[in-house]
Amino acid sequence: MASVSSNIVINQPVEKVFNYVTAVENHTAWQASILEARVTPDGPLGVGSTYHYTTDVMGRRFQSQMQISAFEPNRKWSVRTTGVPTPVETVYLFEPVGNTTKLTISMELSGGYPAAAEAMVKQQMQKSLDEQGNRIKQMVER
């Protein structure tokens, strides 16, 4: 089982970064393949809330869901894929560094990939996490 992780410092306070990342209306801006996003149930976010996404992967539309598995305001937000044979959890950690925020995004790749493909999958996921962090930084620092 391989893991990937990405760190970035964002020149904004933790509260602003956390609120931006967890707000469903922002997901289409910082997650490249998401076309539409909504969350259920209505009301405040918390463990068990589910994000519903319409994504575009190689020209095809897919529906997917991610359930919040950890929600600690201004500290940690984790989401886990649902409805798939091998769920994947992505963890977002928010650390104050003076007036800035260190954002760490990490993911455990659950395996199930042929040995020859594992390195390529890890490389693609690393690139995806790095891109997410950079897009979040660009959007929050505006």
C-alpha atoms as a PDB file:
ATOM      1  CA  MET A   1       0.000   0.000   0.000  1.00  0.00           C
ATOM      2  CA  ALA A   2       1.515   3.310  -1.097  1.00  0.00           C
ATOM      3  CA  SER A   3       0.836   6.761   0.291  1.00  0.00           C
ATOM      4  CA  VAL A   4       1.148  10.211  -1.222  1.00  0.00           C
ATOM      5  CA  SER A   5       1.295  13.578   0.500  1.00  0.00           C
ATOM      6  CA  SER A   6       1.577  17.220  -0.489  1.00  0.00           C
ATOM      7  CA  ASN A   7       2.301  20.337   1.596  1.00  0.00           C
ATOM      8  CA  ILE A   8       1.784  23.982   0.737  1.00  0.00           C
ATOM      9  CA  VAL A   9       1.864  27.214   2.732  1.00  0.00           C
ATOM     10  CA  ILE A  10      -1.057  29.537   2.041  1.00  0.00           C
ATOM     11  CA  ASN A  11      -0.796  33.202   2.965  1.00  0.00           C
ATOM     12  CA  GLN A  12      -4.143  33.310   4.746  1.00  0.00           C
ATOM     13  CA  PRO A  13      -5.324  32.349   8.252  1.00  0.00           C
ATOM     14  CA  VAL A  14      -6.422  28.774   8.986  1.00  0.00           C
ATOM     15  CA  GLU A  15     -10.112  29.675   9.343  1.00  0.00           C
ATOM     16  CA  LYS A  16     -10.269  31.124   5.839  1.00  0.00           C
ATOM     17  CA  VAL A  17      -8.461  28.165   4.251  1.00  0.00           C
ATOM     18  CA  PHE A  18     -10.538  25.553   6.126  1.00  0.00           C
ATOM     19  CA  ASN A  19     -13.823  27.267   5.259  1.00  0.00           C
ATOM     20  CA  TYR A  20     -12.837  27.542   1.589  1.00  0.00           C
ATOM     21  CA  VAL A  21     -11.768  23.896   1.263  1.00  0.00           C
ATOM     22  CA  THR A  22     -14.829  22.415   2.963  1.00  0.00           C
ATOM     23  CA  ALA A  23     -17.432  24.609   1.193  1.00  0.00           C
ATOM     24  CA  VAL A  24     -19.051  22.488  -1.529  1.00  0.00           C
ATOM     25  CA  GLU A  25     -19.565  25.488  -3.817  1.00  0.00           C
ATOM     26  CA  ASN A  26     -15.767  25.822  -4.133  1.00  0.00           C
ATOM     27  CA  HIS A  27     -15.002  22.217  -5.083  1.00  0.00           C
ATOM     28  CA  THR A  28     -15.408  22.788  -8.826  1.00  0.00           C
ATOM     29  CA  ALA A  29     -12.734  25.509  -8.641  1.00  0.00           C
ATOM     30  CA  TRP A  30      -9.971  23.510  -6.967  1.00  0.00           C
ATOM     31  CA  GLN A  31     -10.717  19.944  -8.094  1.00  0.00           C
ATOM     32  CA  ALA A  32     -10.089  19.807 -11.821  1.00  0.00           C
ATOM     33  CA  SER A  33     -12.449  17.045 -12.926  1.00  0.00           C
ATOM     34  CA  ILE A  34     -15.514  18.087 -10.887  1.00  0.00           C
ATOM     35  CA  LEU A  35     -18.291  19.635 -12.966  1.00  0.00           C
ATOM     36  CA  GLU A  36     -21.017  19.785 -10.309  1.00  0.00           C
ATOM     37  CA  ALA A  37     -21.016  19.347  -6.528  1.00  0.00           C
ATOM     38  CA  ARG A  38     -23.614  19.287  -3.763  1.00  0.00           C
ATOM     39  CA  VAL A  39     -23.725  18.049  -0.168  1.00  0.00           C
ATOM     40  CA  THR A  40     -26.345  16.159   1.825  1.00  0.00           C
ATOM     41  CA  PRO A  41     -27.979  16.513   4.211  1.00  0.00           C
ATOM     42  CA  ASP A  42     -28.659  20.243   4.207  1.00  0.00           C
ATOM     43  CA  GLY A  43     -27.315  22.090   7.204  1.00  0.00           C
ATOM     44  CA  PRO A  44     -23.950  22.251   8.921  1.00  0.00           C
ATOM     45  CA  LEU A  45     -21.186  19.926   7.715  1.00  0.00           C
ATOM     46  CA  GLY A  46     -20.019  17.129   9.949  1.00  0.00           C
ATOM     47  CA  VAL A  47     -18.936  13.503  10.045  1.00  0.00           C
ATOM     48  CA  GLY A  48     -21.342  11.571   7.823  1.00  0.00           C
ATOM     49  CA  SER A  49     -22.207  14.459   5.482  1.00  0.00           C
ATOM     50  CA  THR A  50     -21.858  13.330   1.871  1.00  0.00           C
ATOM     51  CA  TYR A  51     -20.509  15.252  -1.114  1.00  0.00           C
ATOM     52  CA  HIS A  52     -22.092  14.216  -4.435  1.00  0.00           C
ATOM     53  CA  TYR A  53     -20.024  14.916  -7.533  1.00  0.00           C
ATOM     54  CA  THR A  54     -20.487  14.827 -11.266  1.00  0.00           C
ATOM     55  CA  THR A  55     -17.048  14.400 -12.791  1.00  0.00           C
ATOM     56  CA  ASP A  56     -15.593  14.313 -16.265  1.00  0.00           C
ATOM     57  CA  VAL A  57     -12.991  11.624 -16.798  1.00  0.00           C
ATOM     58  CA  MET A  58     -11.632  11.313 -20.324  1.00  0.00           C
ATOM     59  CA  GLY A  59     -14.800  12.807 -21.811  1.00  0.00           C
ATOM     60  CA  ARG A  60     -17.228  10.651 -19.815  1.00  0.00           C
ATOM     61  CA  ARG A  61     -19.462  11.803 -16.966  1.00  0.00           C
ATOM     62  CA  PHE A  62     -19.548   9.879 -13.714  1.00  0.00           C
ATOM     63  CA  GLN A  63     -21.441  10.252 -10.449  1.00  0.00           C
ATOM     64  CA  SER A  64     -19.469   9.702  -7.239  1.00  0.00           C
ATOM     65  CA  GLN A  65     -19.801  10.320  -3.530  1.00  0.00           C
ATOM     66  CA  MET A  66     -17.390  11.107  -0.723  1.00  0.00           C
ATOM     67  CA  GLN A  67     -18.428  10.994   2.908  1.00  0.00           C
ATOM     68  CA  ILE A  68     -16.840  13.148   5.592  1.00  0.00           C
ATOM     69  CA  SER A  69     -14.927  10.781   7.881  1.00  0.00           C
ATOM     70  CA  ALA A  70     -13.307  13.451  10.098  1.00  0.00           C
ATOM     71  CA  PHE A  71     -14.350  17.051  10.704  1.00  0.00           C
ATOM     72  CA  GLU A  72     -12.387  19.108  13.213  1.00  0.00           C
ATOM     73  CA  PRO A  73     -12.935  22.800  12.374  1.00  0.00           C
ATOM     74  CA  ASN A  74      -9.725  24.587  11.407  1.00  0.00           C
ATOM     75  CA  ARG A  75      -7.652  21.414  12.007  1.00  0.00           C
ATOM     76  CA  LYS A  76      -8.724  18.388   9.961  1.00  0.00           C
ATOM     77  CA  TRP A  77     -11.130  17.398   7.207  1.00  0.00           C
ATOM     78  CA  SER A  78     -11.138  13.867   5.789  1.00  0.00           C
ATOM     79  CA  VAL A  79     -13.305  12.409   3.054  1.00  0.00           C
ATOM     80  CA  ARG A  80     -13.706   8.778   2.044  1.00  0.00           C
ATOM     81  CA  THR A  81     -15.054   7.471  -1.242  1.00  0.00           C
ATOM     82  CA  THR A  82     -18.283   5.492  -0.955  1.00  0.00           C
ATOM     83  CA  GLY A  83     -19.968   3.001  -3.229  1.00  0.00           C
ATOM     84  CA  VAL A  84     -16.699   1.609  -4.568  1.00  0.00           C
ATOM     85  CA  PRO A  85     -15.065  -1.752  -3.895  1.00  0.00           C
ATOM     86  CA  THR A  86     -11.867  -0.218  -2.505  1.00  0.00           C
ATOM     87  CA  PRO A  87     -12.568   3.071  -0.689  1.00  0.00           C
ATOM     88  CA  VAL A  88      -9.879   5.749  -0.560  1.00  0.00           C
ATOM     89  CA  GLU A  89      -9.562   8.345   2.191  1.00  0.00           C
ATOM     90  CA  THR A  90      -8.058  11.774   1.615  1.00  0.00           C
ATOM     91  CA  VAL A  91      -6.974  13.746   4.673  1.00  0.00           C
ATOM     92  CA  TYR A  92      -6.558  17.540   4.763  1.00  0.00           C
ATOM     93  CA  LEU A  93      -4.636  18.939   7.733  1.00  0.00           C
ATOM     94  CA  PHE A  94      -4.628  22.675   8.480  1.00  0.00           C
ATOM     95  CA  GLU A  95      -1.827  24.049  10.670  1.00  0.00           C
ATOM     96  CA  PRO A  96      -1.409  27.708  11.642  1.00  0.00           C
ATOM     97  CA  VAL A  97       2.081  29.058  10.959  1.00  0.00           C
ATOM     98  CA  GLY A  98       1.976  32.652  12.169  1.00  0.00           C
ATOM     99  CA  ASN A  99      -0.633  34.364   9.985  1.00  0.00           C
ATOM    100  CA  THR A 100      -0.362  31.674   7.286  1.00  0.00           C
ATOM    101  CA  THR A 101      -1.641  28.109   6.951  1.00  0.00           C
ATOM    102  CA  LYS A 102       0.316  24.966   6.217  1.00  0.00           C
ATOM    103  CA  LEU A 103      -2.043  22.669   4.310  1.00  0.00           C
ATOM    104  CA  THR A 104      -1.094  18.998   4.100  1.00  0.00           C
ATOM    105  CA  ILE A 105      -3.105  16.729   1.817  1.00  0.00           C
ATOM    106  CA  SER A 106      -2.468  13.002   2.071  1.00  0.00           C
ATOM    107  CA  MET A 107      -3.925   9.808   0.701  1.00  0.00           C
ATOM    108  CA  GLU A 108      -3.361   6.106   1.249  1.00  0.00           C
ATOM    109  CA  LEU A 109      -3.608   4.203  -2.009  1.00  0.00           C
ATOM    110  CA  SER A 110      -5.449   1.053  -1.086  1.00  0.00           C
ATOM    111  CA  GLY A 111      -3.760  -1.189  -3.592  1.00  0.00           C
ATOM    112  CA  GLY A 112      -5.532  -3.479  -5.978  1.00  0.00           C
ATOM    113  CA  TYR A 113      -3.343  -2.214  -8.787  1.00  0.00           C
ATOM    114  CA  PRO A 114      -1.056  -4.514 -10.758  1.00  0.00           C
ATOM    115  CA  ALA A 115       2.517  -4.172  -9.473  1.00  0.00           C
ATOM    116  CA  ALA A 116       3.643  -2.676 -12.771  1.00  0.00           C
ATOM    117  CA  ALA A 117       1.002   0.073 -12.533  1.00  0.00           C
ATOM    118  CA  GLU A 118       1.457   1.033  -8.874  1.00  0.00           C
ATOM    119  CA  ALA A 119       4.302   3.491  -9.495  1.00  0.00           C
ATOM    120  CA  MET A 120       2.347   5.206 -12.267  1.00  0.00           C
ATOM    121  CA  VAL A 121      -0.796   5.455 -10.109  1.00  0.00           C
ATOM    122  CA  LYS A 122       1.246   6.876  -7.225  1.00  0.00           C
ATOM    123  CA  GLN A 123       2.838   9.445  -9.550  1.00  0.00           C
ATOM    124  CA  GLN A 124      -0.567  10.501 -10.921  1.00  0.00           C
ATOM    125  CA  MET A 125      -2.058  10.841  -7.442  1.00  0.00           C
ATOM    126  CA  GLN A 126       0.958  12.850  -6.258  1.00  0.00           C
ATOM    127  CA  LYS A 127       0.505  15.207  -9.199  1.00  0.00           C
ATOM    128  CA  SER A 128      -3.204  15.525  -8.405  1.00  0.00           C
ATOM    129  CA  LEU A 129      -2.579  16.411  -4.735  1.00  0.00           C
ATOM    130  CA  ASP A 130       0.106  18.957  -5.695  1.00  0.00           C
ATOM    131  CA  GLU A 131      -2.286  20.551  -8.202  1.00  0.00           C
ATOM    132  CA  GLN A 132      -5.109  20.668  -5.636  1.00  0.00           C
ATOM    133  CA  GLY A 133      -2.877  22.444  -3.136  1.00  0.00           C
ATOM    134  CA  ASN A 134      -1.708  24.967  -5.742  1.00  0.00           C
ATOM    135  CA  ARG A 135      -5.279  25.706  -6.890  1.00  0.00           C
ATOM    136  CA  ILE A 136      -6.470  26.131  -3.291  1.00  0.00           C
ATOM    137  CA  LYS A 137      -3.571  28.527  -2.656  1.00  0.00           C
ATOM    138  CA  GLN A 138      -4.381  30.565  -5.788  1.00  0.00           C
ATOM    139  CA  MET A 139      -8.084  30.800  -4.985  1.00  0.00           C
ATOM    140  CA  VAL A 140      -7.737  31.606  -1.247  1.00  0.00           C
ATOM    141  CA  GLU A 141      -4.968  34.171  -1.724  1.00  0.00           C
ATOM    142  CA  ARG A 142      -6.985  36.215  -4.227  1.00  0.00           C
END
